[in-house]
């Protein structure tokens, strides 16, 4: 009865709002939505999931069935995937992103797993539909998997001794073609990371160990000519393949580069200048082969203030955020935020807000965009913590953010959950939807 009363109460509101057209990529429906359901000319209201319908250009609708039960209602999304038109390349203007000379908001989620779990196209579409359901515009994912013994999982490069072979096949780059296509079908652009500081999915230590010998220093990845040449070969192949692809938003040099990796192997000579010099070289290399896409490091945004009592501000990890922002071939800055694993579990909310403010200050000084591209807590009041951080993002003018990480229920079960995953229908999912709308409203983007 209460549910029926609420539906009847909302009818006049919806009817009045429907007279106004929703702009391209705007929300036009979903559970709890009370705005207009009429899209601007040339767009179709596409049901991405139960919580979010979006006005997409050149789209075909997705059928939805709703069945009532004694305990409430359930909604399932079925049928064909949308075919959104993604065109043009994202650029920068001062501290903002633009698309076709109009404001473009980078907001969304990480989904490292989407191209690495042998998902079929239907599951990829479900995953991206769930992300798009928050109003997201961008997804950060991995464009690498280095293996020494292929085990049936999708991979992009295999190693036989010191010889790397790029996998162009169905479980290699052809698989990543599907990732790009599925993201585009939901109006999403990809930020692609090209290697990893950590051992997950191979990363830097595979290059170092295969080329220089097992147990070689991790930081030789940044300085050894043979290793750099091998990495450039992979980067060139991957970047060349998608150099004219508007579904790509940006390339990232590495996920969370540091002087130390998953092992303790170190030369003892790595400093902030080591990684800054490497970042300048590799970003310039990418720019030489791809003039369409933006380039960033993909780092955690550590500062270089040796006297600071907090270690992520001390410069001891190999990153100097301010210095890296000044590299001319890097288009925007990135930072991550994990108070619990950084020894700030007692006050994650206030620590995080200060961390955001400090990066916003650096953003303004450099006159380049800066995004918080990974962040998360696993504490009970997760929603309240994120709400506070989102308020700081909005008030400081920080360019954008990507939550760690998206979650979906797919054919064979849920996507990977490390305690941070955000699934449709949860409180954080709804908060993300509200935040994306607020960020777009602030920026004046659709």
Protein backbone atom coordinates (compact mmCIF):
# COMPACT_ATOMS: atom_id res chain seq x y z
CA UNK A 1 0.00 0.00 0.00
CA UNK A 2 2.76 2.43 0.93
CA UNK A 3 4.59 1.64 -2.31
CA UNK A 4 1.44 2.22 -4.37
CA UNK A 5 0.81 5.54 -2.58
CA UNK A 6 4.34 6.71 -3.34
CA UNK A 7 3.98 5.79 -7.02
CA UNK A 8 0.70 7.71 -7.28
CA UNK A 9 2.23 10.67 -5.48
CA UNK A 10 5.10 10.84 -7.96
CA UNK A 11 2.93 10.73 -11.09
CA UNK A 12 2.26 14.51 -11.31
CA UNK A 13 5.94 15.26 -10.77
CA UNK A 14 7.00 12.92 -13.54
CA UNK A 15 4.35 14.29 -15.87
CA UNK A 16 5.54 17.87 -15.34
CA UNK A 17 9.22 16.94 -15.70
CA UNK A 18 8.60 14.93 -18.85
CA UNK A 19 7.89 18.17 -20.69
CA UNK A 20 11.60 18.98 -20.47
CA UNK A 21 14.02 17.02 -22.65
CA UNK A 22 16.94 15.20 -21.07
CA UNK A 23 20.26 16.02 -22.80
CA UNK A 24 22.52 13.43 -24.40
CA UNK A 25 23.92 10.96 -21.82
CA UNK A 26 21.57 12.32 -19.15
CA UNK A 27 19.45 10.11 -16.88
CA UNK A 28 15.93 9.42 -18.13
CA UNK A 29 14.65 6.68 -15.82
CA UNK A 30 15.34 4.12 -13.12
CA UNK A 31 14.15 3.12 -9.66
CA UNK A 32 13.63 6.25 -7.57
CA UNK A 33 14.10 8.60 -10.54
CA UNK A 34 11.52 11.41 -10.78
CA UNK A 35 12.86 13.50 -13.65
CA UNK A 36 12.00 13.73 -17.31
CA UNK A 37 11.79 10.56 -19.39
CA UNK A 38 11.91 12.38 -22.75
CA UNK A 39 15.31 12.52 -24.43
CA UNK A 40 16.56 15.34 -26.63
CA UNK A 41 16.13 14.87 -30.37
CA UNK A 42 18.35 12.16 -31.83
CA UNK A 43 18.60 10.22 -28.54
CA UNK A 44 16.79 7.24 -27.11
CA UNK A 45 16.14 6.43 -23.45
CA UNK A 46 18.00 3.15 -22.94
CA UNK A 47 17.51 1.00 -19.83
CA UNK A 48 21.00 0.14 -18.61
CA UNK A 49 19.85 -1.49 -15.39
CA UNK A 50 16.99 -1.26 -12.90
CA UNK A 51 18.44 1.87 -11.35
CA UNK A 52 19.50 3.87 -14.37
CA UNK A 53 18.23 4.63 -17.86
CA UNK A 54 20.29 6.96 -20.02
CA UNK A 55 19.69 9.09 -23.13
CA UNK A 56 22.06 7.66 -25.72
CA UNK A 57 22.58 8.81 -29.31
CA UNK A 58 21.88 6.33 -32.08
CA UNK A 59 20.72 3.69 -29.59
CA UNK A 60 18.41 0.73 -29.58
CA UNK A 61 16.40 0.12 -26.46
CA UNK A 62 16.90 -2.75 -24.06
CA UNK A 63 13.86 -4.74 -23.06
CA UNK A 64 13.01 -4.86 -19.39
CA UNK A 65 10.61 -7.14 -17.59
CA UNK A 66 9.21 -6.50 -14.13
CA UNK A 67 7.44 -9.11 -12.08
CA UNK A 68 5.58 -8.44 -8.84
CA UNK A 69 5.81 -10.78 -5.88
CA UNK A 70 4.28 -10.80 -2.43
CA UNK A 71 7.54 -9.44 -1.01
CA UNK A 72 7.97 -6.64 -3.56
CA UNK A 73 9.14 -6.44 -7.15
CA UNK A 74 12.15 -7.63 -9.08
CA UNK A 75 13.46 -6.11 -12.27
CA UNK A 76 15.66 -7.85 -14.80
CA UNK A 77 17.32 -6.34 -17.85
CA UNK A 78 17.52 -8.50 -20.96
CA UNK A 79 17.81 -8.42 -24.76
CA UNK A 80 20.26 -6.52 -26.94
CA UNK A 81 23.02 -4.21 -25.80
CA UNK A 82 22.85 -0.48 -26.53
CA UNK A 83 24.85 0.99 -29.37
CA UNK A 84 25.85 4.44 -28.11
CA UNK A 85 27.83 6.66 -30.43
CA UNK A 86 31.22 7.58 -28.98
CA UNK A 87 33.11 10.05 -31.12
CA UNK A 88 35.83 12.64 -30.69
CA UNK A 89 38.84 12.59 -28.39
CA UNK A 90 38.94 13.93 -24.85
CA UNK A 91 41.31 16.89 -24.45
CA UNK A 92 42.32 19.21 -21.63
CA UNK A 93 41.76 22.91 -21.03
CA UNK A 94 43.43 24.19 -17.91
CA UNK A 95 42.27 22.03 -14.99
CA UNK A 96 39.33 20.62 -16.98
CA UNK A 97 38.67 17.93 -19.57
CA UNK A 98 36.83 18.75 -22.78
CA UNK A 99 35.15 16.80 -25.56
CA UNK A 100 34.43 18.52 -28.86
CA UNK A 101 35.18 21.86 -27.17
CA UNK A 102 32.58 21.29 -24.45
CA UNK A 103 33.09 20.40 -20.77
CA UNK A 104 33.62 16.68 -20.15
CA UNK A 105 33.45 15.21 -16.67
CA UNK A 106 35.62 12.21 -15.83
CA UNK A 107 33.72 10.19 -13.25
CA UNK A 108 33.28 6.46 -12.93
CA UNK A 109 34.99 3.36 -11.62
CA UNK A 110 37.83 0.89 -11.90
CA UNK A 111 37.14 -2.50 -13.46
CA UNK A 112 40.55 -4.12 -13.83
CA UNK A 113 38.98 -7.53 -14.33
CA UNK A 114 36.73 -6.95 -17.32
CA UNK A 115 39.25 -8.12 -19.94
CA UNK A 116 41.06 -10.71 -17.82
CA UNK A 117 38.41 -13.19 -16.65
CA UNK A 118 37.41 -14.79 -19.96
CA UNK A 119 34.06 -13.01 -19.85
CA UNK A 120 31.96 -13.25 -22.99
CA UNK A 121 30.55 -10.16 -24.67
CA UNK A 122 27.22 -10.48 -22.87
CA UNK A 123 28.93 -10.38 -19.48
CA UNK A 124 31.10 -7.46 -20.57
CA UNK A 125 27.95 -5.62 -21.58
CA UNK A 126 26.35 -6.33 -18.21
CA UNK A 127 29.42 -5.06 -16.37
CA UNK A 128 29.61 -1.84 -18.33
CA UNK A 129 25.85 -1.32 -18.10
CA UNK A 130 26.11 -1.50 -14.32
CA UNK A 131 28.89 1.08 -14.32
CA UNK A 132 27.06 3.35 -16.75
CA UNK A 133 24.07 3.05 -14.45
CA UNK A 134 25.70 5.48 -12.03
CA UNK A 135 26.06 8.09 -14.75
CA UNK A 136 29.73 7.22 -15.22
CA UNK A 137 31.67 8.50 -18.22
CA UNK A 138 34.95 6.63 -17.76
CA UNK A 139 36.32 3.27 -16.64
CA UNK A 140 39.93 2.49 -15.73
CA UNK A 141 41.11 -0.99 -16.67
CA UNK A 142 44.25 -3.02 -17.31
CA UNK A 143 45.80 -3.25 -20.77
CA UNK A 144 48.34 -5.91 -19.82
CA UNK A 145 48.79 -9.45 -18.54
CA UNK A 146 52.33 -10.80 -18.71
CA UNK A 147 52.63 -14.58 -18.45
CA UNK A 148 55.47 -17.07 -18.63
CA UNK A 149 53.11 -20.05 -18.91
CA UNK A 150 49.70 -19.38 -20.48
CA UNK A 151 47.01 -21.01 -18.34
CA UNK A 152 43.86 -20.41 -20.36
CA UNK A 153 43.16 -16.96 -18.95
CA UNK A 154 43.22 -13.98 -21.31
CA UNK A 155 46.74 -12.56 -21.61
CA UNK A 156 48.43 -10.00 -23.83
CA UNK A 157 52.09 -10.99 -23.77
CA UNK A 158 53.89 -14.26 -23.04
CA UNK A 159 57.56 -14.80 -22.31
CA UNK A 160 59.83 -17.66 -23.36
CA UNK A 161 63.07 -16.90 -21.58
CA UNK A 162 64.06 -13.41 -22.67
CA UNK A 163 61.78 -13.42 -25.71
CA UNK A 164 58.34 -11.76 -25.39
CA UNK A 165 55.49 -12.55 -27.79
CA UNK A 166 52.43 -10.35 -28.00
CA UNK A 167 49.15 -12.27 -28.16
CA UNK A 168 46.99 -10.99 -31.02
CA UNK A 169 44.51 -13.88 -30.76
CA UNK A 170 41.02 -14.40 -29.41
CA UNK A 171 42.25 -14.54 -25.80
CA UNK A 172 44.65 -11.64 -26.41
CA UNK A 173 44.22 -8.33 -28.17
CA UNK A 174 41.08 -9.53 -29.96
CA UNK A 175 39.60 -9.98 -26.50
CA UNK A 176 40.55 -6.41 -25.63
CA UNK A 177 38.85 -5.26 -28.82
CA UNK A 178 35.65 -6.62 -27.27
CA UNK A 179 36.31 -4.71 -24.05
CA UNK A 180 36.61 -1.44 -25.98
CA UNK A 181 33.49 -2.15 -28.03
CA UNK A 182 31.40 -3.06 -24.98
CA UNK A 183 32.48 0.08 -23.11
CA UNK A 184 31.63 2.26 -26.10
CA UNK A 185 28.23 0.62 -26.42
CA UNK A 186 27.40 2.10 -23.03
CA UNK A 187 28.86 5.55 -23.69
CA UNK A 188 31.99 4.87 -21.63
CA UNK A 189 35.60 5.74 -22.39
CA UNK A 190 38.55 3.73 -21.10
CA UNK A 191 41.65 4.80 -19.20
CA UNK A 192 44.12 2.00 -19.91
CA UNK A 193 47.08 1.13 -17.71
CA UNK A 194 49.94 -0.55 -19.59
CA UNK A 195 51.87 -2.34 -16.81
CA UNK A 196 51.87 -2.87 -13.04
CA UNK A 197 54.26 -2.05 -10.24
CA UNK A 198 52.95 -5.15 -8.48
CA UNK A 199 53.12 -8.83 -9.42
CA UNK A 200 49.40 -9.05 -10.21
CA UNK A 201 49.05 -9.93 -13.87
CA UNK A 202 52.81 -9.94 -14.39
CA UNK A 203 53.91 -6.35 -14.38
CA UNK A 204 57.36 -4.80 -14.20
CA UNK A 205 59.12 -7.68 -12.45
CA UNK A 206 58.36 -10.06 -15.32
CA UNK A 207 60.32 -7.78 -17.67
CA UNK A 208 63.18 -7.43 -15.21
CA UNK A 209 63.40 -11.11 -14.26
CA UNK A 210 63.05 -12.48 -17.79
CA UNK A 211 65.55 -10.08 -19.33
CA UNK A 212 68.10 -9.59 -16.56
CA UNK A 213 67.76 -12.68 -14.39
CA UNK A 214 65.56 -13.83 -11.55
CA UNK A 215 65.72 -11.58 -8.51
CA UNK A 216 67.07 -8.53 -10.36
CA UNK A 217 66.24 -5.15 -8.79
CA UNK A 218 62.69 -4.00 -9.39
CA UNK A 219 63.78 -0.45 -10.18
CA UNK A 220 65.88 -1.60 -13.14
CA UNK A 221 62.56 -1.42 -15.00
CA UNK A 222 63.02 2.35 -15.02
CA UNK A 223 66.70 2.51 -15.96
CA UNK A 224 67.89 -0.57 -17.86
CA UNK A 225 68.04 0.05 -21.61
CA UNK A 226 67.11 -3.53 -22.54
CA UNK A 227 64.06 -3.53 -20.27
CA UNK A 228 62.93 -0.10 -21.47
CA UNK A 229 63.23 -1.21 -25.11
CA UNK A 230 61.11 -4.30 -24.45
CA UNK A 231 58.46 -2.26 -22.66
CA UNK A 232 58.42 0.29 -25.48
CA UNK A 233 57.87 -2.54 -27.97
CA UNK A 234 54.79 -3.68 -26.08
CA UNK A 235 53.52 -0.13 -25.62
CA UNK A 236 53.95 0.67 -29.31
CA UNK A 237 51.99 -2.41 -30.39
CA UNK A 238 49.15 -1.81 -27.95
CA UNK A 239 48.91 1.96 -28.46
CA UNK A 240 49.21 1.73 -32.26
CA UNK A 241 46.27 -0.66 -32.37
CA UNK A 242 43.97 1.89 -30.76
CA UNK A 243 45.57 5.20 -31.74
CA UNK A 244 42.46 6.27 -33.68
CA UNK A 245 39.94 4.79 -31.25
CA UNK A 246 37.68 7.41 -29.58
CA UNK A 247 36.66 4.83 -26.97
CA UNK A 248 40.06 5.31 -25.36
CA UNK A 249 40.28 8.33 -23.05
CA UNK A 250 43.90 8.01 -21.92
CA UNK A 251 46.97 5.82 -21.57
CA UNK A 252 48.69 5.33 -18.23
CA UNK A 253 52.35 4.36 -17.99
CA UNK A 254 51.90 2.01 -15.03
CA UNK A 255 49.69 1.20 -12.09
CA UNK A 256 51.20 2.69 -8.91
CA UNK A 257 54.89 2.88 -9.92
CA UNK A 258 57.27 2.89 -6.94
CA UNK A 259 60.96 2.20 -6.34
CA UNK A 260 59.99 -1.09 -4.70
CA UNK A 261 57.62 -3.71 -6.07
CA UNK A 262 56.14 -6.93 -4.71
CA UNK A 263 59.61 -8.16 -3.73
CA UNK A 264 62.39 -6.46 -1.78
CA UNK A 265 64.78 -6.56 -4.75
CA UNK A 266 66.25 -3.09 -5.12
CA UNK A 267 69.38 -1.44 -6.49
CA UNK A 268 69.36 0.99 -3.59
CA UNK A 269 69.77 3.90 -5.99
CA UNK A 270 66.16 4.61 -6.97
CA UNK A 271 64.88 8.08 -6.09
CA UNK A 272 62.01 10.33 -7.13
CA UNK A 273 64.11 11.55 -10.07
CA UNK A 274 64.49 7.95 -11.30
CA UNK A 275 60.77 7.53 -11.87
CA UNK A 276 60.27 11.11 -13.06
CA UNK A 277 62.96 10.66 -15.73
CA UNK A 278 61.37 7.38 -16.83
CA UNK A 279 57.90 8.94 -16.92
CA UNK A 280 59.14 11.78 -19.11
CA UNK A 281 60.74 9.32 -21.55
CA UNK A 282 57.82 6.91 -21.83
CA UNK A 283 55.14 9.60 -22.02
CA UNK A 284 57.08 11.34 -24.80
CA UNK A 285 57.37 7.99 -26.60
CA UNK A 286 53.61 7.45 -26.46
CA UNK A 287 52.99 10.98 -27.69
CA UNK A 288 55.29 10.29 -30.65
CA UNK A 289 53.07 7.45 -31.86
CA UNK A 290 49.63 8.64 -30.74
CA UNK A 291 48.62 12.29 -30.91
CA UNK A 292 44.94 11.64 -30.21
CA UNK A 293 44.95 10.40 -26.64
CA UNK A 294 45.87 11.82 -23.27
CA UNK A 295 48.71 10.39 -21.20
CA UNK A 296 49.14 10.14 -17.41
CA UNK A 297 51.39 8.15 -15.08
CA UNK A 298 48.81 6.18 -13.08
CA UNK A 299 50.64 6.82 -9.81
CA UNK A 300 49.38 7.17 -6.24
CA UNK A 301 50.17 10.88 -6.03
CA UNK A 302 52.76 10.77 -3.26
CA UNK A 303 54.40 14.08 -2.37
CA UNK A 304 58.11 14.79 -1.87
CA UNK A 305 58.38 16.55 1.49
CA UNK A 306 61.18 14.71 3.37
CA UNK A 307 60.43 16.35 6.72
CA UNK A 308 56.76 15.40 6.80
CA UNK A 309 55.83 12.87 9.53
CA UNK A 310 53.37 11.04 7.23
CA UNK A 311 55.20 8.64 4.91
CA UNK A 312 53.03 9.20 1.82
CA UNK A 313 54.19 12.83 1.93
CA UNK A 314 57.92 12.10 2.42
CA UNK A 315 59.09 11.20 -1.10
CA UNK A 316 60.59 7.91 0.08
CA UNK A 317 58.48 5.80 -2.29
CA UNK A 318 59.84 7.26 -5.52
CA UNK A 319 57.06 9.65 -6.51
CA UNK A 320 57.13 13.45 -6.54
CA UNK A 321 53.61 14.44 -7.51
CA UNK A 322 54.32 18.12 -8.05
CA UNK A 323 57.42 17.50 -10.15
CA UNK A 324 55.63 14.95 -12.31
CA UNK A 325 52.78 17.35 -13.01
CA UNK A 326 55.32 19.63 -14.64
CA UNK A 327 56.35 17.02 -17.23
CA UNK A 328 55.13 18.49 -20.51
CA UNK A 329 54.15 15.16 -22.08
CA UNK A 330 51.86 14.25 -19.18
CA UNK A 331 48.38 15.70 -19.68
CA UNK A 332 46.88 15.17 -16.24
CA UNK A 333 47.74 13.98 -12.76
CA UNK A 334 46.44 10.97 -10.84
CA UNK A 335 46.34 9.99 -7.19
CA UNK A 336 44.99 7.16 -5.06
CA UNK A 337 43.55 7.16 -1.55
CA UNK A 338 43.65 4.19 0.86
CA UNK A 339 43.90 5.48 4.44
CA UNK A 340 43.55 2.04 6.05
CA UNK A 341 46.56 0.55 4.27
CA UNK A 342 48.56 3.77 4.69
CA UNK A 343 48.42 3.75 8.49
CA UNK A 344 45.60 6.29 8.74
CA UNK A 345 42.80 3.95 9.78
CA UNK A 346 41.95 5.97 12.90
CA UNK A 347 40.74 8.97 10.93
CA UNK A 348 40.24 7.94 7.29
CA UNK A 349 37.61 10.59 6.60
CA UNK A 350 39.61 13.62 7.66
CA UNK A 351 42.88 12.24 6.30
CA UNK A 352 41.22 11.61 2.93
CA UNK A 353 39.68 15.06 2.74
CA UNK A 354 43.06 16.67 3.44
CA UNK A 355 44.71 14.42 0.84
CA UNK A 356 42.13 15.56 -1.72
CA UNK A 357 42.61 19.22 -0.79
CA UNK A 358 46.39 18.93 -1.16
CA UNK A 359 46.07 17.45 -4.63
CA UNK A 360 43.55 20.08 -5.64
CA UNK A 361 46.08 22.72 -4.59
CA UNK A 362 48.71 21.04 -6.80
CA UNK A 363 46.17 20.87 -9.62
CA UNK A 364 45.60 24.61 -9.51
CA UNK A 365 49.34 25.35 -9.35
CA UNK A 366 50.05 23.18 -12.41
CA UNK A 367 46.93 24.24 -14.34
CA UNK A 368 46.37 20.62 -15.35
CA UNK A 369 43.47 18.27 -14.55
CA UNK A 370 43.93 15.94 -11.58
CA UNK A 371 41.72 12.95 -10.83
CA UNK A 372 41.43 10.72 -7.79
CA UNK A 373 41.49 7.55 -9.85
CA UNK A 374 41.45 4.94 -7.07
CA UNK A 375 40.06 5.22 -3.56
CA UNK A 376 38.36 3.11 -0.97
CA UNK A 377 37.78 2.06 2.61
CA UNK A 378 36.31 -1.16 3.99
CA UNK A 379 35.03 0.24 7.29
CA UNK A 380 31.40 0.01 8.41
CA UNK A 381 30.61 3.67 7.69
CA UNK A 382 31.92 3.42 4.14
CA UNK A 383 29.04 5.45 2.73
CA UNK A 384 29.59 8.33 5.16
CA UNK A 385 33.32 8.39 4.41
CA UNK A 386 32.76 8.50 0.65
CA UNK A 387 30.09 11.16 1.06
CA UNK A 388 32.59 13.39 2.88
CA UNK A 389 35.25 12.82 0.25
CA UNK A 390 32.81 13.57 -2.56
CA UNK A 391 31.90 16.84 -0.88
CA UNK A 392 35.58 17.75 -0.80
CA UNK A 393 36.00 16.84 -4.48
CA UNK A 394 33.12 19.14 -5.36
CA UNK A 395 34.16 22.04 -3.16
CA UNK A 396 37.85 22.05 -4.12
CA UNK A 397 37.17 21.83 -7.83
CA UNK A 398 39.13 18.59 -8.19
CA UNK A 399 38.67 17.49 -11.79
CA UNK A 400 37.14 14.04 -11.27
CA UNK A 401 37.27 10.62 -9.64
CA UNK A 402 37.04 6.88 -10.26
CA UNK A 403 36.02 4.65 -7.35
CA UNK A 404 37.77 1.36 -6.58
CA UNK A 405 36.02 -0.73 -7.71
CA UNK A 406 32.95 -1.63 -9.76
CA UNK A 407 31.08 -4.86 -9.10
CA UNK A 408 28.55 -6.89 -11.08
CA UNK A 409 26.66 -10.15 -10.87
CA UNK A 410 27.55 -12.02 -14.04
CA UNK A 411 26.71 -15.39 -15.57
CA UNK A 412 29.05 -17.39 -13.32
CA UNK A 413 28.69 -15.25 -10.22
CA UNK A 414 29.96 -11.94 -8.87
CA UNK A 415 33.00 -10.12 -10.21
CA UNK A 416 36.11 -10.00 -7.96
CA UNK A 417 35.47 -8.40 -4.57
CA UNK A 418 38.36 -7.35 -2.36
CA UNK A 419 36.06 -5.69 0.14
CA UNK A 420 35.71 -2.52 -1.93
CA UNK A 421 33.43 -3.68 -4.77
CA UNK A 422 30.29 -1.63 -5.35
CA UNK A 423 27.32 -3.61 -6.68
CA UNK A 424 24.12 -2.17 -8.18
CA UNK A 425 21.42 -1.39 -5.65
CA UNK A 426 23.78 -0.86 -2.72
CA UNK A 427 23.97 2.37 -0.76
CA UNK A 428 27.35 3.25 -2.25
CA UNK A 429 26.06 2.60 -5.77
CA UNK A 430 23.24 5.07 -5.19
CA UNK A 431 25.68 7.55 -3.66
CA UNK A 432 27.91 7.24 -6.72
CA UNK A 433 24.90 7.95 -8.93
CA UNK A 434 24.14 11.13 -6.99
CA UNK A 435 27.79 12.17 -7.01
CA UNK A 436 28.17 11.72 -10.78
CA UNK A 437 25.14 13.94 -11.34
CA UNK A 438 26.47 16.59 -8.93
CA UNK A 439 29.91 16.57 -10.55
CA UNK A 440 28.42 16.98 -14.03
CA UNK A 441 26.19 19.80 -12.80
CA UNK A 442 29.22 21.55 -11.30
CA UNK A 443 31.10 21.25 -14.59
CA UNK A 444 28.18 22.10 -16.83
CA UNK A 445 28.60 18.85 -18.75
CA UNK A 446 25.97 16.37 -19.87
